[in-house]
Amino acid sequence: MTSPLPLPPDPFPTVNAQTLTAGSVLHRNHLSAFRPAQFNPCKGQPTRFAPFQDAAGGCVATLYAATSRETAAFESIFHDIDPAARFKTVRLNDVEARTASRISPKRDLQVAALFAPDLKLWGIDRGQIIETPKSSYARTALWAKALHEARPELDGLIWTSRQCDPERCLVLFEDRVGEDDFDVLEEIDIGKDDALLLEMRRFGQRAGIVIIA
């Protein structure tokens, strides 16, 4: 049995960082009310690494992205499906309310690596911080806050997707990198594109998930 995630160390120890190079392609699956590279200003439901506040108590807006369109779908519209559920379904309206986007950073980004060897450096493992349920988000977000405060040069975090390995996920911090630091390569409203909706259905079918009206 995996032990609970401890509080982050203070002071924070060594952080292994990786460079996400300018021109890299990132995928998002976001509500259509948001722009492709728009950050979330601490609104909505808690996520694994957000929301959190900076040292002055201000909201650190965040942006989630993934390294493939399928991963972005599994980390959003398919995220909360219980793998043990007898019937795995997602409402069509929820899918059609979203947009699939591709964005690309205009500059290199420095992101803290949260892969297995890097986590071992801190005495924890994926089961404690990446493979955890929603009930743990208040604790996992504290680690994002600690990393943000400890390393001002970090633009965000990167890890292997829990929902769609071996692809990767990122969360970026708006006080380090902003919407204007990205080029928008593609923006497709799922509700207005039959081919994209079919692609989403195929992604879901891989996991036995059906999009229903």
C-alpha atoms as a PDB file:
ATOM      1  CA  MET A   1       0.000   0.000   0.000  1.00  0.00           C
ATOM      2  CA  THR A   2       1.325   3.426  -0.976  1.00  0.00           C
ATOM      3  CA  SER A   3       1.974   5.731   1.957  1.00  0.00           C
ATOM      4  CA  PRO A   4       0.306   9.170   2.014  1.00  0.00           C
ATOM      5  CA  LEU A   5       2.058  12.055   0.301  1.00  0.00           C
ATOM      6  CA  PRO A   6       4.081  13.997   2.894  1.00  0.00           C
ATOM      7  CA  LEU A   7       4.139  17.768   3.058  1.00  0.00           C
ATOM      8  CA  PRO A   8       6.780  19.247   0.747  1.00  0.00           C
ATOM      9  CA  PRO A   9      10.204  19.788   2.361  1.00  0.00           C
ATOM     10  CA  ASP A  10      11.223  23.253   3.483  1.00  0.00           C
ATOM     11  CA  PRO A  11      13.649  24.342   2.240  1.00  0.00           C
ATOM     12  CA  PHE A  12      13.002  22.463  -0.982  1.00  0.00           C
ATOM     13  CA  PRO A  13      15.930  20.268  -2.101  1.00  0.00           C
ATOM     14  CA  THR A  14      17.424  19.894  -5.571  1.00  0.00           C
ATOM     15  CA  VAL A  15      14.974  20.151  -8.463  1.00  0.00           C
ATOM     16  CA  ASN A  16      15.700  18.444 -11.776  1.00  0.00           C
ATOM     17  CA  ALA A  17      14.456  20.647 -14.604  1.00  0.00           C
ATOM     18  CA  GLN A  18      13.927  19.994 -18.292  1.00  0.00           C
ATOM     19  CA  THR A  19      13.749  22.398 -21.209  1.00  0.00           C
ATOM     20  CA  LEU A  20      10.644  22.491 -23.353  1.00  0.00           C
ATOM     21  CA  THR A  21      12.092  24.018 -26.487  1.00  0.00           C
ATOM     22  CA  ALA A  22      10.559  26.877 -28.409  1.00  0.00           C
ATOM     23  CA  GLY A  23       8.389  25.531 -31.220  1.00  0.00           C
ATOM     24  CA  SER A  24       7.299  22.410 -29.329  1.00  0.00           C
ATOM     25  CA  VAL A  25       3.674  21.489 -29.973  1.00  0.00           C
ATOM     26  CA  LEU A  26       1.298  21.274 -27.025  1.00  0.00           C
ATOM     27  CA  HIS A  27      -2.289  20.057 -27.120  1.00  0.00           C
ATOM     28  CA  ARG A  28      -5.221  21.305 -25.088  1.00  0.00           C
ATOM     29  CA  ASN A  29      -8.855  20.218 -24.699  1.00  0.00           C
ATOM     30  CA  HIS A  30     -10.559  23.151 -23.034  1.00  0.00           C
ATOM     31  CA  LEU A  31     -13.979  24.719 -22.615  1.00  0.00           C
ATOM     32  CA  SER A  32     -14.787  26.751 -25.709  1.00  0.00           C
ATOM     33  CA  ALA A  33     -15.283  29.848 -23.550  1.00  0.00           C
ATOM     34  CA  PHE A  34     -11.501  29.884 -23.056  1.00  0.00           C
ATOM     35  CA  ARG A  35      -8.894  30.936 -25.608  1.00  0.00           C
ATOM     36  CA  PRO A  36      -6.320  28.306 -26.667  1.00  0.00           C
ATOM     37  CA  ALA A  37      -3.515  29.749 -24.517  1.00  0.00           C
ATOM     38  CA  GLN A  38      -5.652  31.308 -21.793  1.00  0.00           C
ATOM     39  CA  PHE A  39      -4.688  30.527 -18.205  1.00  0.00           C
ATOM     40  CA  ASN A  40      -7.213  29.521 -15.554  1.00  0.00           C
ATOM     41  CA  PRO A  41      -7.340  32.204 -12.818  1.00  0.00           C
ATOM     42  CA  CYS A  42      -7.912  29.773  -9.927  1.00  0.00           C
ATOM     43  CA  LYS A  43     -11.530  29.089 -10.873  1.00  0.00           C
ATOM     44  CA  GLY A  44     -13.446  25.846 -11.268  1.00  0.00           C
ATOM     45  CA  GLN A  45     -12.757  22.490  -9.648  1.00  0.00           C
ATOM     46  CA  PRO A  46      -9.415  21.739  -7.963  1.00  0.00           C
ATOM     47  CA  THR A  47      -6.865  19.888 -10.073  1.00  0.00           C
ATOM     48  CA  ARG A  48      -3.733  17.959  -9.176  1.00  0.00           C
ATOM     49  CA  PHE A  49      -1.488  21.017  -9.154  1.00  0.00           C
ATOM     50  CA  ALA A  50      -3.901  23.941  -8.931  1.00  0.00           C
ATOM     51  CA  PRO A  51      -5.165  26.217  -7.601  1.00  0.00           C
ATOM     52  CA  PHE A  52      -2.527  27.605  -5.302  1.00  0.00           C
ATOM     53  CA  GLN A  53      -1.387  31.023  -4.145  1.00  0.00           C
ATOM     54  CA  ASP A  54       2.006  32.696  -4.339  1.00  0.00           C
ATOM     55  CA  ALA A  55       3.968  33.829  -1.289  1.00  0.00           C
ATOM     56  CA  ALA A  56       2.029  37.109  -1.237  1.00  0.00           C
ATOM     57  CA  GLY A  57      -1.318  35.313  -1.231  1.00  0.00           C
ATOM     58  CA  GLY A  58      -2.214  36.026  -4.856  1.00  0.00           C
ATOM     59  CA  CYS A  59      -3.669  33.459  -7.243  1.00  0.00           C
ATOM     60  CA  VAL A  60      -1.170  31.799  -9.571  1.00  0.00           C
ATOM     61  CA  ALA A  61      -3.138  31.209 -12.767  1.00  0.00           C
ATOM     62  CA  THR A  62      -2.271  27.944 -14.512  1.00  0.00           C
ATOM     63  CA  LEU A  63      -2.513  26.303 -17.923  1.00  0.00           C
ATOM     64  CA  TYR A  64      -2.640  22.527 -18.451  1.00  0.00           C
ATOM     65  CA  ALA A  65      -1.432  20.981 -21.702  1.00  0.00           C
ATOM     66  CA  ALA A  66      -0.349  17.599 -23.063  1.00  0.00           C
ATOM     67  CA  THR A  67       1.971  16.201 -25.711  1.00  0.00           C
ATOM     68  CA  SER A  68      -0.809  14.636 -27.816  1.00  0.00           C
ATOM     69  CA  ARG A  69      -4.451  15.326 -28.665  1.00  0.00           C
ATOM     70  CA  GLU A  70      -5.491  11.967 -27.238  1.00  0.00           C
ATOM     71  CA  THR A  71      -3.772  12.685 -23.929  1.00  0.00           C
ATOM     72  CA  ALA A  72      -5.429  16.101 -23.726  1.00  0.00           C
ATOM     73  CA  ALA A  73      -8.799  14.374 -24.179  1.00  0.00           C
ATOM     74  CA  PHE A  74      -8.108  11.764 -21.506  1.00  0.00           C
ATOM     75  CA  GLU A  75      -6.895  14.449 -19.109  1.00  0.00           C
ATOM     76  CA  SER A  76     -10.107  16.451 -19.589  1.00  0.00           C
ATOM     77  CA  ILE A  77     -13.342  14.947 -20.965  1.00  0.00           C
ATOM     78  CA  PHE A  78     -12.437  11.367 -19.987  1.00  0.00           C
ATOM     79  CA  HIS A  79     -10.559  12.251 -16.805  1.00  0.00           C
ATOM     80  CA  ASP A  80     -13.141  11.330 -14.192  1.00  0.00           C
ATOM     81  CA  ILE A  81     -14.261   7.990 -15.615  1.00  0.00           C
ATOM     82  CA  ASP A  82     -13.905   5.212 -13.046  1.00  0.00           C
ATOM     83  CA  PRO A  83     -11.956   2.387 -14.727  1.00  0.00           C
ATOM     84  CA  ALA A  84     -13.969  -0.116 -12.674  1.00  0.00           C
ATOM     85  CA  ALA A  85     -17.337   1.265 -13.811  1.00  0.00           C
ATOM     86  CA  ARG A  86     -19.565  -1.215 -15.632  1.00  0.00           C
ATOM     87  CA  PHE A  87     -20.770   1.473 -18.032  1.00  0.00           C
ATOM     88  CA  LYS A  88     -18.289   4.164 -18.964  1.00  0.00           C
ATOM     89  CA  THR A  89     -20.062   7.110 -20.573  1.00  0.00           C
ATOM     90  CA  VAL A  90     -19.579  10.813 -21.265  1.00  0.00           C
ATOM     91  CA  ARG A  91     -22.378  13.157 -22.271  1.00  0.00           C
ATOM     92  CA  LEU A  92     -22.220  14.456 -25.838  1.00  0.00           C
ATOM     93  CA  ASN A  93     -23.067  17.977 -24.660  1.00  0.00           C
ATOM     94  CA  ASP A  94     -19.982  17.980 -22.444  1.00  0.00           C
ATOM     95  CA  VAL A  95     -17.773  16.987 -25.355  1.00  0.00           C
ATOM     96  CA  GLU A  96     -19.302  19.471 -27.801  1.00  0.00           C
ATOM     97  CA  ALA A  97     -18.777  22.298 -25.316  1.00  0.00           C
ATOM     98  CA  ARG A  98     -15.026  21.952 -25.740  1.00  0.00           C
ATOM     99  CA  THR A  99     -12.321  23.016 -28.168  1.00  0.00           C
ATOM    100  CA  ALA A 100      -9.217  21.088 -29.227  1.00  0.00           C
ATOM    101  CA  SER A 101      -6.247  23.417 -29.630  1.00  0.00           C
ATOM    102  CA  ARG A 102      -2.578  23.236 -30.478  1.00  0.00           C
ATOM    103  CA  ILE A 103      -0.226  25.886 -29.129  1.00  0.00           C
ATOM    104  CA  SER A 104       3.523  26.369 -29.302  1.00  0.00           C
ATOM    105  CA  PRO A 105       5.839  28.334 -26.971  1.00  0.00           C
ATOM    106  CA  LYS A 106       7.790  31.139 -28.596  1.00  0.00           C
ATOM    107  CA  ARG A 107      10.689  30.649 -26.169  1.00  0.00           C
ATOM    108  CA  ASP A 108      12.281  27.806 -24.265  1.00  0.00           C
ATOM    109  CA  LEU A 109      10.434  26.916 -21.065  1.00  0.00           C
ATOM    110  CA  GLN A 110      12.019  25.476 -17.930  1.00  0.00           C
ATOM    111  CA  VAL A 111       9.835  22.866 -16.232  1.00  0.00           C
ATOM    112  CA  ALA A 112      10.423  20.792 -13.111  1.00  0.00           C
ATOM    113  CA  ALA A 113      10.612  17.074 -13.922  1.00  0.00           C
ATOM    114  CA  LEU A 114       8.182  14.904 -11.963  1.00  0.00           C
ATOM    115  CA  PHE A 115       9.235  11.566 -13.415  1.00  0.00           C
ATOM    116  CA  ALA A 116      10.023   8.475 -11.333  1.00  0.00           C
ATOM    117  CA  PRO A 117      13.789   9.108 -10.844  1.00  0.00           C
ATOM    118  CA  ASP A 118      13.179  12.790 -10.044  1.00  0.00           C
ATOM    119  CA  LEU A 119      10.500  11.925  -7.487  1.00  0.00           C
ATOM    120  CA  LYS A 120      12.837   9.435  -5.813  1.00  0.00           C
ATOM    121  CA  LEU A 121      15.235  12.331  -5.259  1.00  0.00           C
ATOM    122  CA  TRP A 122      12.554  13.761  -2.930  1.00  0.00           C
ATOM    123  CA  GLY A 123      11.740  10.429  -1.286  1.00  0.00           C
ATOM    124  CA  ILE A 124       8.355   9.993  -2.948  1.00  0.00           C
ATOM    125  CA  ASP A 125       6.963   8.056  -5.924  1.00  0.00           C
ATOM    126  CA  ARG A 126       4.257   8.324  -8.592  1.00  0.00           C
ATOM    127  CA  GLY A 127       1.766   6.500  -6.407  1.00  0.00           C
ATOM    128  CA  GLN A 128       1.909   9.353  -3.910  1.00  0.00           C
ATOM    129  CA  ILE A 129       1.671  12.399  -6.193  1.00  0.00           C
ATOM    130  CA  ILE A 130       0.640  11.377  -9.741  1.00  0.00           C
ATOM    131  CA  GLU A 131      -1.479   8.240  -9.284  1.00  0.00           C
ATOM    132  CA  THR A 132      -3.688   9.721  -6.568  1.00  0.00           C
ATOM    133  CA  PRO A 133      -7.473  10.387  -6.539  1.00  0.00           C
ATOM    134  CA  LYS A 134      -9.167  13.791  -6.490  1.00  0.00           C
ATOM    135  CA  SER A 135      -9.411  13.645  -2.719  1.00  0.00           C
ATOM    136  CA  SER A 136      -5.628  14.203  -2.555  1.00  0.00           C
ATOM    137  CA  TYR A 137      -5.548  17.362  -4.686  1.00  0.00           C
ATOM    138  CA  ALA A 138      -5.287  19.746  -1.731  1.00  0.00           C
ATOM    139  CA  ARG A 139      -2.028  18.007  -0.755  1.00  0.00           C
ATOM    140  CA  THR A 140      -0.566  17.576  -4.268  1.00  0.00           C
ATOM    141  CA  ALA A 141      -1.210  21.261  -5.022  1.00  0.00           C
ATOM    142  CA  LEU A 142       1.008  22.121  -2.047  1.00  0.00           C
ATOM    143  CA  TRP A 143       3.920  20.528  -3.919  1.00  0.00           C
ATOM    144  CA  ALA A 144       3.240  22.726  -6.949  1.00  0.00           C
ATOM    145  CA  LYS A 145       3.189  25.735  -4.644  1.00  0.00           C
ATOM    146  CA  ALA A 146       6.449  24.678  -2.990  1.00  0.00           C
ATOM    147  CA  LEU A 147       8.198  24.163  -6.321  1.00  0.00           C
ATOM    148  CA  HIS A 148       6.887  27.492  -7.605  1.00  0.00           C
ATOM    149  CA  GLU A 149       8.229  29.324  -4.548  1.00  0.00           C
ATOM    150  CA  ALA A 150      11.541  27.466  -4.371  1.00  0.00           C
ATOM    151  CA  ARG A 151      12.598  27.942  -7.994  1.00  0.00           C
ATOM    152  CA  PRO A 152      11.685  31.334  -9.530  1.00  0.00           C
ATOM    153  CA  GLU A 153      13.169  30.228 -12.865  1.00  0.00           C
ATOM    154  CA  LEU A 154      10.585  27.461 -13.315  1.00  0.00           C
ATOM    155  CA  ASP A 155       7.798  28.044 -15.825  1.00  0.00           C
ATOM    156  CA  GLY A 156       5.898  24.943 -14.717  1.00  0.00           C
ATOM    157  CA  LEU A 157       5.960  21.178 -14.142  1.00  0.00           C
ATOM    158  CA  ILE A 158       6.050  18.125 -16.436  1.00  0.00           C
ATOM    159  CA  TRP A 159       5.167  14.464 -15.745  1.00  0.00           C
ATOM    160  CA  THR A 160       3.986  11.268 -17.422  1.00  0.00           C
ATOM    161  CA  SER A 161       0.220  11.256 -17.878  1.00  0.00           C
ATOM    162  CA  ARG A 162      -1.713   9.093 -15.445  1.00  0.00           C
ATOM    163  CA  GLN A 163      -4.565   8.840 -17.935  1.00  0.00           C
ATOM    164  CA  CYS A 164      -2.702   8.215 -21.196  1.00  0.00           C
ATOM    165  CA  ASP A 165       0.890   7.060 -20.777  1.00  0.00           C
ATOM    166  CA  PRO A 166       3.556   7.280 -22.113  1.00  0.00           C
ATOM    167  CA  GLU A 167       2.626  10.810 -23.208  1.00  0.00           C
ATOM    168  CA  ARG A 168       3.355  13.763 -20.962  1.00  0.00           C
ATOM    169  CA  CYS A 169       1.362  16.479 -19.238  1.00  0.00           C
ATOM    170  CA  LEU A 170       2.386  19.966 -18.186  1.00  0.00           C
ATOM    171  CA  VAL A 171       1.079  22.698 -15.945  1.00  0.00           C
ATOM    172  CA  LEU A 172       2.459  26.189 -16.546  1.00  0.00           C
ATOM    173  CA  PHE A 173       2.466  29.241 -14.263  1.00  0.00           C
ATOM    174  CA  GLU A 174       1.131  32.509 -15.686  1.00  0.00           C
ATOM    175  CA  ASP A 175       3.388  34.686 -13.522  1.00  0.00           C
ATOM    176  CA  ARG A 176       6.350  33.060 -15.311  1.00  0.00           C
ATOM    177  CA  VAL A 177       4.979  32.515 -18.838  1.00  0.00           C
ATOM    178  CA  GLY A 178       1.948  34.250 -20.335  1.00  0.00           C
ATOM    179  CA  GLU A 179      -0.611  33.846 -23.083  1.00  0.00           C
ATOM    180  CA  ASP A 180       1.433  36.102 -25.380  1.00  0.00           C
ATOM    181  CA  ASP A 181       4.361  33.671 -25.148  1.00  0.00           C
ATOM    182  CA  PHE A 182       2.490  31.150 -27.327  1.00  0.00           C
ATOM    183  CA  ASP A 183       1.608  30.840 -30.970  1.00  0.00           C
ATOM    184  CA  VAL A 184      -1.826  29.342 -31.637  1.00  0.00           C
ATOM    185  CA  LEU A 185      -1.416  26.660 -34.301  1.00  0.00           C
ATOM    186  CA  GLU A 186      -4.945  25.266 -34.324  1.00  0.00           C
ATOM    187  CA  GLU A 187      -8.308  25.864 -32.653  1.00  0.00           C
ATOM    188  CA  ILE A 188     -11.207  23.511 -33.500  1.00  0.00           C
ATOM    189  CA  ASP A 189     -14.635  23.626 -31.888  1.00  0.00           C
ATOM    190  CA  ILE A 190     -15.487  19.946 -31.322  1.00  0.00           C
ATOM    191  CA  GLY A 191     -19.201  20.648 -31.560  1.00  0.00           C
ATOM    192  CA  LYS A 192     -18.771  22.037 -35.083  1.00  0.00           C
ATOM    193  CA  ASP A 193     -16.372  19.482 -36.536  1.00  0.00           C
ATOM    194  CA  ASP A 194     -17.719  15.990 -37.267  1.00  0.00           C
ATOM    195  CA  ALA A 195     -14.287  14.534 -37.997  1.00  0.00           C
ATOM    196  CA  LEU A 196     -12.907  15.747 -34.681  1.00  0.00           C
ATOM    197  CA  LEU A 197     -15.929  14.428 -32.784  1.00  0.00           C
ATOM    198  CA  LEU A 198     -15.407  11.042 -34.439  1.00  0.00           C
ATOM    199  CA  GLU A 199     -11.769  11.144 -33.361  1.00  0.00           C
ATOM    200  CA  MET A 200     -12.876  11.807 -29.769  1.00  0.00           C
ATOM    201  CA  ARG A 201     -15.243   8.840 -29.970  1.00  0.00           C
ATOM    202  CA  ARG A 202     -12.362   6.639 -31.125  1.00  0.00           C
ATOM    203  CA  PHE A 203     -10.171   7.847 -28.274  1.00  0.00           C
ATOM    204  CA  GLY A 204     -12.907   6.919 -25.814  1.00  0.00           C
ATOM    205  CA  GLN A 205     -13.524   3.525 -27.408  1.00  0.00           C
ATOM    206  CA  ARG A 206      -9.925   2.600 -26.689  1.00  0.00           C
ATOM    207  CA  ALA A 207     -10.841   2.683 -22.980  1.00  0.00           C
ATOM    208  CA  GLY A 208     -14.383   1.364 -23.381  1.00  0.00           C
ATOM    209  CA  ILE A 209     -15.850   4.847 -22.978  1.00  0.00           C
ATOM    210  CA  VAL A 210     -18.947   5.756 -25.009  1.00  0.00           C
ATOM    211  CA  ILE A 211     -20.063   9.292 -25.805  1.00  0.00           C
ATOM    212  CA  ILE A 212     -23.838   9.356 -25.426  1.00  0.00           C
ATOM    213  CA  ALA A 213     -26.501  11.960 -26.293  1.00  0.00           C
END
